[in-house]
Amino acid sequence: MEFEIGPAAAADIGALAGIEARCAHAADWGRGGLEAELGKPSARIFTARTGGRAAGFICANFIPPEAQVLNMAVAPEYARLGAGTALVEAVFAAARGLGCSLATLEVNEINAPAIALYSKMGFNIVGRRAKFYNYRHDALLMDKRLTGK
């Protein structure tokens, strides 16, 4: 499936919050959290669209030399169709363009689909925060060196 990736606009926030609400392992920022990130100069939210409809988003903070993925969600009906890969690739491209040489993130240890995607995209587990999520589940710390194209 083909996805168009572009920057999110204020008009997209309702749809993106709706996608996030439908994802079991999403960060649950809601509309307010997404709006706050949209207003930060160091943050970018990218939206995946197909047929003019939002399919998912990724939010990252870019402070060279590091880009940090903060939140990502793909609507269940578009899961495993390439939207997640395209969104992560958009972060990599933006990061390189801004002079970042490292991408980092944290992910809940029980979020197997996200861990599989991030591993496929070249992220490696480099650490762990014990009982970080609701005092129950560990956060896996992952990173990827950004070189070349």
C-alpha atoms as a PDB file:
ATOM      1  CA  MET A   1       0.000   0.000   0.000  1.00  0.00           C
ATOM      2  CA  GLU A   2       1.233   3.501  -0.808  1.00  0.00           C
ATOM      3  CA  PHE A   3       1.403   6.137   1.940  1.00  0.00           C
ATOM      4  CA  GLU A   4       2.044   9.840   1.543  1.00  0.00           C
ATOM      5  CA  ILE A   5       4.096  11.242   4.419  1.00  0.00           C
ATOM      6  CA  GLY A   6       3.962  14.910   5.318  1.00  0.00           C
ATOM      7  CA  PRO A   7       3.995  17.296   8.234  1.00  0.00           C
ATOM      8  CA  ALA A   8       0.940  17.337  10.478  1.00  0.00           C
ATOM      9  CA  ALA A   9      -1.118  20.498  10.708  1.00  0.00           C
ATOM     10  CA  ALA A  10      -3.385  21.727  13.484  1.00  0.00           C
ATOM     11  CA  ALA A  11      -6.370  20.491  11.454  1.00  0.00           C
ATOM     12  CA  ASP A  12      -4.970  16.913  11.647  1.00  0.00           C
ATOM     13  CA  ILE A  13      -4.806  16.717  15.445  1.00  0.00           C
ATOM     14  CA  GLY A  14      -8.348  15.404  15.967  1.00  0.00           C
ATOM     15  CA  ALA A  15      -7.820  12.547  13.514  1.00  0.00           C
ATOM     16  CA  LEU A  16      -4.403  11.716  14.977  1.00  0.00           C
ATOM     17  CA  ALA A  17      -5.776  11.675  18.530  1.00  0.00           C
ATOM     18  CA  GLY A  18      -8.502   9.341  17.291  1.00  0.00           C
ATOM     19  CA  ILE A  19      -5.917   6.980  15.811  1.00  0.00           C
ATOM     20  CA  GLU A  20      -3.910   7.051  19.025  1.00  0.00           C
ATOM     21  CA  ALA A  21      -7.035   6.237  21.081  1.00  0.00           C
ATOM     22  CA  ARG A  22      -7.616   3.100  18.988  1.00  0.00           C
ATOM     23  CA  CYS A  23      -4.099   1.712  19.489  1.00  0.00           C
ATOM     24  CA  ALA A  24      -3.609  -0.611  22.448  1.00  0.00           C
ATOM     25  CA  HIS A  25      -0.017   0.382  23.196  1.00  0.00           C
ATOM     26  CA  ALA A  26      -0.116   4.064  22.212  1.00  0.00           C
ATOM     27  CA  ALA A  27       1.265   6.731  24.524  1.00  0.00           C
ATOM     28  CA  ASP A  28      -2.223   8.175  25.154  1.00  0.00           C
ATOM     29  CA  TRP A  29      -1.233  11.817  24.782  1.00  0.00           C
ATOM     30  CA  GLY A  30      -4.636  12.734  23.445  1.00  0.00           C
ATOM     31  CA  ARG A  31      -5.457  15.915  21.613  1.00  0.00           C
ATOM     32  CA  GLY A  32      -3.785  18.180  24.194  1.00  0.00           C
ATOM     33  CA  GLY A  33      -0.475  16.335  24.102  1.00  0.00           C
ATOM     34  CA  LEU A  34      -0.352  16.301  20.326  1.00  0.00           C
ATOM     35  CA  GLU A  35      -1.231  20.005  20.136  1.00  0.00           C
ATOM     36  CA  ALA A  36       1.548  20.789  22.639  1.00  0.00           C
ATOM     37  CA  GLU A  37       4.132  18.931  20.548  1.00  0.00           C
ATOM     38  CA  LEU A  38       2.935  20.599  17.352  1.00  0.00           C
ATOM     39  CA  GLY A  39       3.792  23.946  18.924  1.00  0.00           C
ATOM     40  CA  LYS A  40       7.354  23.068  19.979  1.00  0.00           C
ATOM     41  CA  PRO A  41      10.126  24.340  17.698  1.00  0.00           C
ATOM     42  CA  SER A  42      12.271  21.208  18.158  1.00  0.00           C
ATOM     43  CA  ALA A  43       9.427  18.737  17.526  1.00  0.00           C
ATOM     44  CA  ARG A  44       7.877  17.484  14.313  1.00  0.00           C
ATOM     45  CA  ILE A  45       4.809  15.366  13.764  1.00  0.00           C
ATOM     46  CA  PHE A  46       4.618  13.483  10.483  1.00  0.00           C
ATOM     47  CA  THR A  47       1.353  12.024   9.205  1.00  0.00           C
ATOM     48  CA  ALA A  48       0.918   9.016   6.933  1.00  0.00           C
ATOM     49  CA  ARG A  49      -2.034   9.416   4.586  1.00  0.00           C
ATOM     50  CA  THR A  50      -3.664   7.163   2.063  1.00  0.00           C
ATOM     51  CA  GLY A  51      -6.615   8.145  -0.049  1.00  0.00           C
ATOM     52  CA  GLY A  52      -6.589  11.528   1.698  1.00  0.00           C
ATOM     53  CA  ARG A  53      -7.191   9.894   5.066  1.00  0.00           C
ATOM     54  CA  ALA A  54      -4.809   9.854   8.046  1.00  0.00           C
ATOM     55  CA  ALA A  55      -3.449   6.361   8.635  1.00  0.00           C
ATOM     56  CA  GLY A  56      -0.913   7.107  11.367  1.00  0.00           C
ATOM     57  CA  PHE A  57       1.602   9.529  12.796  1.00  0.00           C
ATOM     58  CA  ILE A  58       4.997   9.783  14.409  1.00  0.00           C
ATOM     59  CA  CYS A  59       6.277  12.557  16.638  1.00  0.00           C
ATOM     60  CA  ALA A  60       9.977  13.176  17.193  1.00  0.00           C
ATOM     61  CA  ASN A  61      12.113  15.768  18.895  1.00  0.00           C
ATOM     62  CA  PHE A  62      15.198  16.948  16.996  1.00  0.00           C
ATOM     63  CA  ILE A  63      18.048  18.414  19.030  1.00  0.00           C
ATOM     64  CA  PRO A  64      21.258  17.625  17.143  1.00  0.00           C
ATOM     65  CA  PRO A  65      23.079  15.367  17.345  1.00  0.00           C
ATOM     66  CA  GLU A  66      20.037  13.382  18.552  1.00  0.00           C
ATOM     67  CA  ALA A  67      16.552  12.731  17.246  1.00  0.00           C
ATOM     68  CA  GLN A  68      14.188  11.145  19.765  1.00  0.00           C
ATOM     69  CA  VAL A  69      11.011   9.366  18.695  1.00  0.00           C
ATOM     70  CA  LEU A  70       8.403  10.353  21.253  1.00  0.00           C
ATOM     71  CA  ASN A  71       5.134   8.851  20.058  1.00  0.00           C
ATOM     72  CA  MET A  72       3.860   6.793  17.148  1.00  0.00           C
ATOM     73  CA  ALA A  73       0.541   5.210  16.261  1.00  0.00           C
ATOM     74  CA  VAL A  74      -0.852   3.550  13.142  1.00  0.00           C
ATOM     75  CA  ALA A  75      -4.575   2.905  12.758  1.00  0.00           C
ATOM     76  CA  PRO A  76      -5.269  -0.815  13.204  1.00  0.00           C
ATOM     77  CA  GLU A  77      -6.636  -1.181   9.669  1.00  0.00           C
ATOM     78  CA  TYR A  78      -3.293   0.039   8.276  1.00  0.00           C
ATOM     79  CA  ALA A  79      -1.043  -1.991  10.579  1.00  0.00           C
ATOM     80  CA  ARG A  80       1.662  -4.006   8.816  1.00  0.00           C
ATOM     81  CA  LEU A  81       0.994  -2.339   5.455  1.00  0.00           C
ATOM     82  CA  GLY A  82       4.025  -0.042   5.431  1.00  0.00           C
ATOM     83  CA  ALA A  83       2.766   3.088   7.188  1.00  0.00           C
ATOM     84  CA  GLY A  84       5.006   2.563  10.225  1.00  0.00           C
ATOM     85  CA  THR A  85       8.070   1.964   8.081  1.00  0.00           C
ATOM     86  CA  ALA A  86       7.373   5.084   6.028  1.00  0.00           C
ATOM     87  CA  LEU A  87       6.914   7.176   9.175  1.00  0.00           C
ATOM     88  CA  VAL A  88      10.186   5.995  10.738  1.00  0.00           C
ATOM     89  CA  GLU A  89      11.990   6.645   7.444  1.00  0.00           C
ATOM     90  CA  ALA A  90      10.586  10.209   7.469  1.00  0.00           C
ATOM     91  CA  VAL A  91      12.101  10.755  10.912  1.00  0.00           C
ATOM     92  CA  PHE A  92      15.452   9.398   9.715  1.00  0.00           C
ATOM     93  CA  ALA A  93      15.445  11.722   6.701  1.00  0.00           C
ATOM     94  CA  ALA A  94      14.496  14.762   8.777  1.00  0.00           C
ATOM     95  CA  ALA A  95      17.074  13.875  11.420  1.00  0.00           C
ATOM     96  CA  ARG A  96      19.883  13.592   8.894  1.00  0.00           C
ATOM     97  CA  GLY A  97      18.798  16.872   7.303  1.00  0.00           C
ATOM     98  CA  LEU A  98      18.988  18.581  10.685  1.00  0.00           C
ATOM     99  CA  GLY A  99      22.444  17.185  11.459  1.00  0.00           C
ATOM    100  CA  CYS A 100      21.401  14.381  13.817  1.00  0.00           C
ATOM    101  CA  SER A 101      23.604  11.304  13.920  1.00  0.00           C
ATOM    102  CA  LEU A 102      21.626   9.257  16.456  1.00  0.00           C
ATOM    103  CA  ALA A 103      17.953   8.285  16.728  1.00  0.00           C
ATOM    104  CA  THR A 104      16.640   7.131  20.099  1.00  0.00           C
ATOM    105  CA  LEU A 105      13.354   5.945  21.574  1.00  0.00           C
ATOM    106  CA  GLU A 106      11.816   4.029  24.417  1.00  0.00           C
ATOM    107  CA  VAL A 107       9.139   1.388  23.996  1.00  0.00           C
ATOM    108  CA  ASN A 108       7.086  -0.729  26.373  1.00  0.00           C
ATOM    109  CA  GLU A 109       8.535  -4.229  26.597  1.00  0.00           C
ATOM    110  CA  ILE A 110       5.090  -5.711  25.874  1.00  0.00           C
ATOM    111  CA  ASN A 111       4.646  -3.776  22.615  1.00  0.00           C
ATOM    112  CA  ALA A 112       5.875  -6.580  20.356  1.00  0.00           C
ATOM    113  CA  PRO A 113       4.688  -5.016  17.056  1.00  0.00           C
ATOM    114  CA  ALA A 114       6.582  -1.757  17.754  1.00  0.00           C
ATOM    115  CA  ILE A 115       9.706  -3.590  18.895  1.00  0.00           C
ATOM    116  CA  ALA A 116       9.630  -5.682  15.707  1.00  0.00           C
ATOM    117  CA  LEU A 117       9.266  -2.557  13.543  1.00  0.00           C
ATOM    118  CA  TYR A 118      12.029  -0.658  15.313  1.00  0.00           C
ATOM    119  CA  SER A 119      14.356  -3.663  15.144  1.00  0.00           C
ATOM    120  CA  LYS A 120      13.625  -4.057  11.416  1.00  0.00           C
ATOM    121  CA  MET A 121      14.490  -0.363  10.979  1.00  0.00           C
ATOM    122  CA  GLY A 122      17.904  -0.886  12.601  1.00  0.00           C
ATOM    123  CA  PHE A 123      17.278   0.115  16.202  1.00  0.00           C
ATOM    124  CA  ASN A 124      19.088  -1.878  18.885  1.00  0.00           C
ATOM    125  CA  ILE A 125      18.158  -2.315  22.540  1.00  0.00           C
ATOM    126  CA  VAL A 126      20.752  -0.427  24.567  1.00  0.00           C
ATOM    127  CA  GLY A 127      19.121  -0.233  27.987  1.00  0.00           C
ATOM    128  CA  ARG A 128      16.070  -0.778  30.140  1.00  0.00           C
ATOM    129  CA  ARG A 129      14.062   1.246  32.660  1.00  0.00           C
ATOM    130  CA  ALA A 130      12.579  -1.163  35.173  1.00  0.00           C
ATOM    131  CA  LYS A 131       8.832  -0.954  35.787  1.00  0.00           C
ATOM    132  CA  PHE A 132       8.660   2.346  33.891  1.00  0.00           C
ATOM    133  CA  TYR A 133       5.131   1.883  32.544  1.00  0.00           C
ATOM    134  CA  ASN A 134       2.533   1.939  35.327  1.00  0.00           C
ATOM    135  CA  TYR A 135       5.080   0.390  37.711  1.00  0.00           C
ATOM    136  CA  ARG A 136       4.558  -2.900  35.861  1.00  0.00           C
ATOM    137  CA  HIS A 137       6.384  -3.037  32.540  1.00  0.00           C
ATOM    138  CA  ASP A 138       9.927  -2.120  31.611  1.00  0.00           C
ATOM    139  CA  ALA A 139      10.792   0.488  29.007  1.00  0.00           C
ATOM    140  CA  LEU A 140      13.289  -0.725  26.450  1.00  0.00           C
ATOM    141  CA  LEU A 141      15.733   1.969  25.368  1.00  0.00           C
ATOM    142  CA  MET A 142      16.661   1.678  21.717  1.00  0.00           C
ATOM    143  CA  ASP A 143      18.902   3.621  19.394  1.00  0.00           C
ATOM    144  CA  LYS A 144      20.200   3.673  15.856  1.00  0.00           C
ATOM    145  CA  ARG A 145      23.234   5.441  14.403  1.00  0.00           C
ATOM    146  CA  LEU A 146      22.255   7.520  11.394  1.00  0.00           C
ATOM    147  CA  THR A 147      24.810   7.360   8.626  1.00  0.00           C
ATOM    148  CA  GLY A 148      24.643   7.736   4.867  1.00  0.00           C
ATOM    149  CA  LYS A 149      21.250   8.065   3.279  1.00  0.00           C
END
